[in-house]
Structures are given as C-alpha cells and as structure tokens.
C-alpha cells in the first residue's frame, strides 16, 4: 500500500516541480559522479538487511510497518515540498521498476539518509547493527550531497523526521513491537 501511495506522490511531485533554490553546501561545491553508489548502495543495503531480518521472523512485522509508515510520511512531505533539483544535480537513469518509485521531484526529505537511520533506531539495542546503520546513513547523506541529488536540508531534516516516525511507529504498532522485543 505504501508503495502505491509512493508512486502517486512521486508523479504529483514531478508534475508540480518548482524552481531550484540556493543551498549553502551545494552552491559552494562541485557535483561529483556518484550515480552508481547512489543507485546500488541502497539496493545492497536492503538485500543485506532482508537477509538479516529473516534470521528472526518476529522482527519483520515491526520493521516493515515502520518502513511503510516512513514511506507514507515521506510521500506527504514530497507532496508538500516539491522543489526542483539543484541545477548541477546528476541525472540518474533509474533501473527498470525503480522508475516507478523515484522521479527527481521527491527531494524532501532524504530517503537515502532516513531509511538506514530508521533501521538504526529499530535495532538500537544491537550495537553492531546500530553503528553500521548510522554509518550507512551518514555515508548515504554524504553521497547525495556530493552528487547534488538532495539539498542540505533534505539530508539534515531526515534524521529529525525519521526519529519522529520511529516514535510514532512504537505507538501505532505496539503489538508488532512486542513481537519484535520477544525475538531478542
């Protein structure tokens, strides 16, 4: 359901895309070609994370519900805030079905940064997973800034909004959270 909403939110944001704005970091740095890492980094992250999740199936409902909530909240934000890409942003050629979920008008807030951070929050009690996910969130944040794919505010706001989404998920999905905690 969240991905259906995501598809339509991306379509709307693309149609309503507005002008780019200046940015303190992007306006003062040269864009770097990080397209491969921008596309394949999250793909590899999710493949590894799905393998990790299947080791304890009781983790899956809360994790998936949290991600779905993240996607829906992010969709609301991209419908409300549809800035045009920064003028020097790379032009990503999305792979096959990924074209349905990403458009270039879906900037605020950064999913590349927010999703790994959400996984850090979900698995906070597991120090190794927490630190890896925070590291990935920071690396992805740097990548999207280096490629000029996101504005600086998109990356920094992702941490604050994602934390709020996590707190809401713990309130909305108490049954799944209890199952998650049982699996530890």
Protein backbone atom coordinates (compact mmCIF):
# COMPACT_ATOMS: atom_id res chain seq x y z
CA UNK A 1 0.00 0.00 0.00
CA UNK A 2 2.79 2.43 0.93
CA UNK A 3 4.49 1.89 -2.43
CA UNK A 4 1.24 2.60 -4.31
CA UNK A 5 0.95 5.88 -2.40
CA UNK A 6 4.64 6.48 -3.16
CA UNK A 7 4.08 6.07 -6.88
CA UNK A 8 1.31 8.67 -6.97
CA UNK A 9 3.17 11.07 -4.67
CA UNK A 10 6.18 10.92 -6.98
CA UNK A 11 4.02 11.55 -10.02
CA UNK A 12 2.42 14.55 -8.32
CA UNK A 13 5.76 15.96 -7.15
CA UNK A 14 7.19 15.59 -10.65
CA UNK A 15 4.27 17.41 -12.28
CA UNK A 16 4.30 20.18 -9.65
CA UNK A 17 8.08 20.52 -9.52
CA UNK A 18 9.15 24.12 -8.96
CA UNK A 19 12.36 26.09 -9.27
CA UNK A 20 15.60 25.13 -7.59
CA UNK A 21 16.90 27.22 -4.68
CA UNK A 22 20.36 28.10 -3.45
CA UNK A 23 22.00 25.87 -0.85
CA UNK A 24 24.90 26.64 1.45
CA UNK A 25 26.77 23.42 0.67
CA UNK A 26 25.69 22.67 -2.90
CA UNK A 27 26.23 26.25 -4.04
CA UNK A 28 29.83 26.04 -2.84
CA UNK A 29 30.85 22.56 -4.02
CA UNK A 30 31.25 20.86 -7.36
CA UNK A 31 28.97 17.89 -8.09
CA UNK A 32 30.73 14.52 -8.21
CA UNK A 33 29.59 11.50 -10.21
CA UNK A 34 28.31 9.11 -7.53
CA UNK A 35 25.42 7.69 -9.58
CA UNK A 36 26.46 4.05 -9.12
CA UNK A 37 26.72 4.35 -5.36
CA UNK A 38 23.50 6.39 -5.27
CA UNK A 39 21.59 3.59 -7.02
CA UNK A 40 23.35 0.40 -5.93
CA UNK A 41 24.24 1.43 -2.36
CA UNK A 42 20.64 1.31 -1.09
CA UNK A 43 19.97 -1.84 -3.13
CA UNK A 44 22.88 -3.66 -1.48
CA UNK A 45 21.89 -2.26 1.92
CA UNK A 46 18.35 -3.67 1.56
CA UNK A 47 19.49 -7.06 0.27
CA UNK A 48 21.80 -7.46 3.28
CA UNK A 49 19.12 -6.15 5.63
CA UNK A 50 16.45 -8.54 4.32
CA UNK A 51 18.85 -11.47 4.86
CA UNK A 52 19.45 -10.18 8.40
CA UNK A 53 15.70 -9.87 9.05
CA UNK A 54 14.86 -13.43 8.01
CA UNK A 55 17.14 -14.73 10.75
CA UNK A 56 14.40 -13.74 13.21
CA UNK A 57 10.99 -13.58 11.51
CA UNK A 58 9.44 -11.87 14.56
CA UNK A 59 11.46 -8.79 13.63
CA UNK A 60 9.76 -8.48 10.25
CA UNK A 61 6.28 -7.07 11.10
CA UNK A 62 7.54 -4.11 13.16
CA UNK A 63 10.37 -3.37 10.74
CA UNK A 64 8.14 -3.48 7.66
CA UNK A 65 5.41 -1.45 9.37
CA UNK A 66 7.96 1.19 10.38
CA UNK A 67 9.29 1.37 6.82
CA UNK A 68 5.74 1.63 5.42
CA UNK A 69 4.99 4.49 7.83
CA UNK A 70 8.27 6.14 6.78
CA UNK A 71 7.32 5.89 3.10
CA UNK A 72 3.84 7.34 3.65
CA UNK A 73 5.11 10.22 5.80
CA UNK A 74 7.83 10.96 3.25
CA UNK A 75 5.20 10.90 0.49
CA UNK A 76 3.23 13.56 2.35
CA UNK A 77 6.36 15.70 2.63
CA UNK A 78 7.27 15.39 -1.05
CA UNK A 79 3.71 16.40 -1.99
CA UNK A 80 4.01 19.49 0.20
CA UNK A 81 7.60 20.38 -0.71
CA UNK A 82 8.44 19.81 -4.36
CA UNK A 83 11.48 21.91 -5.10
CA UNK A 84 13.24 21.48 -8.39
CA UNK A 85 16.54 19.60 -8.34
CA UNK A 86 19.66 21.65 -7.79
CA UNK A 87 20.95 22.84 -11.22
CA UNK A 88 24.15 20.76 -11.01
CA UNK A 89 22.42 17.56 -9.83
CA UNK A 90 23.38 14.38 -11.60
CA UNK A 91 20.87 12.85 -13.97
CA UNK A 92 20.20 9.35 -12.65
CA UNK A 93 18.97 6.68 -15.04
CA UNK A 94 16.83 4.57 -12.70
CA UNK A 95 16.73 0.86 -13.31
CA UNK A 96 13.54 -0.84 -14.53
CA UNK A 97 10.81 -0.86 -11.89
CA UNK A 98 12.69 1.65 -9.71
CA UNK A 99 11.50 4.34 -12.15
CA UNK A 100 8.01 3.95 -10.66
CA UNK A 101 9.20 4.95 -7.19
CA UNK A 102 11.67 7.77 -7.83
CA UNK A 103 11.29 10.78 -10.03
CA UNK A 104 13.63 13.62 -9.15
CA UNK A 105 10.85 15.69 -7.59
CA UNK A 106 10.96 13.63 -4.41
CA UNK A 107 13.62 15.59 -2.56
CA UNK A 108 12.36 16.49 0.90
CA UNK A 109 13.37 14.58 2.94
CA UNK A 110 16.18 12.18 2.01
CA UNK A 111 15.12 8.53 1.98
CA UNK A 112 18.74 7.53 1.39
CA UNK A 113 19.60 9.01 4.77
CA UNK A 114 16.35 8.32 6.62
CA UNK A 115 15.86 4.60 5.97
CA UNK A 116 19.25 3.44 7.32
CA UNK A 117 18.76 5.75 10.30
CA UNK A 118 15.30 4.25 10.87
CA UNK A 119 16.90 0.78 10.89
CA UNK A 120 19.43 2.06 13.45
CA UNK A 121 16.55 3.20 15.67
CA UNK A 122 14.59 -0.03 15.21
CA UNK A 123 17.66 -2.12 16.11
CA UNK A 124 19.05 0.33 18.68
CA UNK A 125 19.73 -2.37 21.27
CA UNK A 126 22.02 -4.21 18.84
CA UNK A 127 25.14 -2.04 18.93
CA UNK A 128 26.71 -3.54 15.81
CA UNK A 129 23.59 -3.02 13.69
CA UNK A 130 23.03 0.42 15.19
CA UNK A 131 26.53 1.66 14.37
CA UNK A 132 26.54 0.12 10.89
CA UNK A 133 23.18 1.71 10.06
CA UNK A 134 24.19 5.12 11.42
CA UNK A 135 27.40 4.86 9.40
CA UNK A 136 25.43 3.95 6.27
CA UNK A 137 23.02 6.86 6.87
CA UNK A 138 25.93 9.29 7.15
CA UNK A 139 27.68 7.82 4.07
CA UNK A 140 24.46 7.98 2.03
CA UNK A 141 23.93 11.56 3.24
CA UNK A 142 27.41 12.49 2.01
CA UNK A 143 26.80 10.68 -1.30
CA UNK A 144 23.54 12.51 -2.04
CA UNK A 145 25.21 15.82 -1.21
CA UNK A 146 28.30 15.06 -3.32
CA UNK A 147 26.09 14.19 -6.28
CA UNK A 148 23.86 17.21 -5.59
CA UNK A 149 20.87 14.83 -5.56
CA UNK A 150 19.44 16.36 -2.37
CA UNK A 151 19.56 19.75 -0.78
CA UNK A 152 21.41 20.00 2.53
CA UNK A 153 18.12 20.48 4.40
CA UNK A 154 16.81 17.21 2.89
CA UNK A 155 19.67 15.30 4.47
CA UNK A 156 19.75 17.00 7.86
CA UNK A 157 15.96 17.02 8.30
CA UNK A 158 15.83 13.30 7.52
CA UNK A 159 17.35 12.46 10.91
CA UNK A 160 14.82 14.52 12.87
CA UNK A 161 11.77 13.46 10.87
CA UNK A 162 12.86 9.81 10.91
CA UNK A 163 13.19 9.88 14.68
CA UNK A 164 9.63 11.19 14.91
CA UNK A 165 8.43 8.45 12.57
CA UNK A 166 10.10 5.85 14.76
CA UNK A 167 8.39 7.21 17.89
CA UNK A 168 5.02 7.16 16.10
CA UNK A 169 5.69 3.59 14.92
CA UNK A 170 6.29 2.46 18.50
CA UNK A 171 2.88 3.88 19.44
CA UNK A 172 0.92 2.66 16.38
CA UNK A 173 2.44 -0.82 16.14
CA UNK A 174 2.64 -1.88 19.80
CA UNK A 175 1.67 -5.49 19.03
CA UNK A 176 4.43 -5.79 16.42
CA UNK A 177 6.91 -4.05 18.71
CA UNK A 178 6.12 -6.58 21.47
CA UNK A 179 6.76 -9.43 18.99
CA UNK A 180 9.98 -7.71 17.90
CA UNK A 181 11.18 -7.44 21.50
CA UNK A 182 10.27 -11.10 22.15
CA UNK A 183 12.66 -12.17 19.42
CA UNK A 184 15.68 -10.56 21.10
